[in-house]
Amino acid sequence: MPEPRFLVVRLGSLGDIVHTFPAVAGLRASFPSAEIIWLTHPRWVELVASSCLATEIWPVDSRDLGSVRHALRKIRSAPWTAAIDYQGLWKSAALPFFGGVGKRIGFSSATIREFGVPILYTDRVACRTTHIADRNGELTLRADATKPVAEVTLQVADADRELVRKQLEEQDVARYIVLSPGGGWRAKCWPTERFGALCQKIRADLKLSCVINYGPGEEPLVAAVQAASGDARPIAYDGDMGPLMALLHGAQCIVGGDTGPLHLGIALGAPAVALFGPTDPARNGPYPPQHIVLRSPGAHTTYGRGDVPDPSLLALSVEDVFNAVRQSLGKTA
């Protein structure tokens, strides 16, 4: 009997891919010799490769018709045991559908965000769990896996470790804490002036440097944090995926909201202090949940993309976050 051959679809983004790793690891643990082909956006190929879970990674840009046609030809060229769409969007569900995969597993309408998408699946899973990583695991179980999720060890290249070490050494940085003030939309981001004040306390009381991680378009955010940091002088970092992984892996702690770098740092084994406001940490928080999560008891869950910090985040003081950082480092407050 031939080994199973699975098509995994998770095109993006950073945090969502990280929260898909445990479910694909469950698939790999259940079918050690299976072929697992992962479809993802070209931007995330290096990230997916670091998990060592996929037999092959096929890049596809859903906004490029030529890229989509090429992916569909490849999908149609071979038989599949099943396709699992861990993303749940029209653009992801359409790939195995138009690729002619017979068994297509995805979320039911009770779970999915975009209306109507489940019509493209043959197997629709009504999830009973809360965290998105566990919900992904329920899709894995529908593929007849014996484990919904499993542990994942991400690989960091030695060359990237050495590059980051030299870059930090040039800035006179040895032991450091990574701050990730961005996060998709401002409503779920702690205020920049508080990140700046946190830098000052970390530098003065813990004698540690701060590194501000940021992505495309977040330069003003970094400038605002640095301006509020005074003589703490945090350094800004916007490295590619490999160096970013090396930076996060070497951090004493990472502090951030519901954002991709926070989840990636956790997957790499860094202690974390997660600052949550409108988004629900029970659904989107650290996974596994062995890290410090701060959220105001008065927070109301919403995924509306506001352009100012949610009021619940204003309830998290600099002192609250600093004490959580001390706790994560094993120090008493």
Foldseek 3Di string as FASTA:
>chain_A
DDAAEEEEEDADDQLLVLLLLFQLVLLCVQRVPYAYEYEYAPQCPLVVVQQVSHPYYQHADLVDPVRLVVLLVVLLPDAHLEYEYLPQDQSRLVSCLSSVHDAYEYADPVPHDDPPSCVSGPHHDDDDAAASSQVSLSSSVVSVGPGSGDATAGDADPVLLVVLVVVCVVVVADAEEEEEQDAQFAQWGQQLLLLLVLLQCCCPPVVHAYEYEDEPPCVVSVVSNQVNNPPSRHHYDHDRDNNLLSVLLRHQEYETELHSSQQSSVSSPHAYEYEGAQADCSHRNHPVPPHHYDWAPPGHHDPDRDHHYHPRSVVQHSVNRSQSSCVSNVHHD
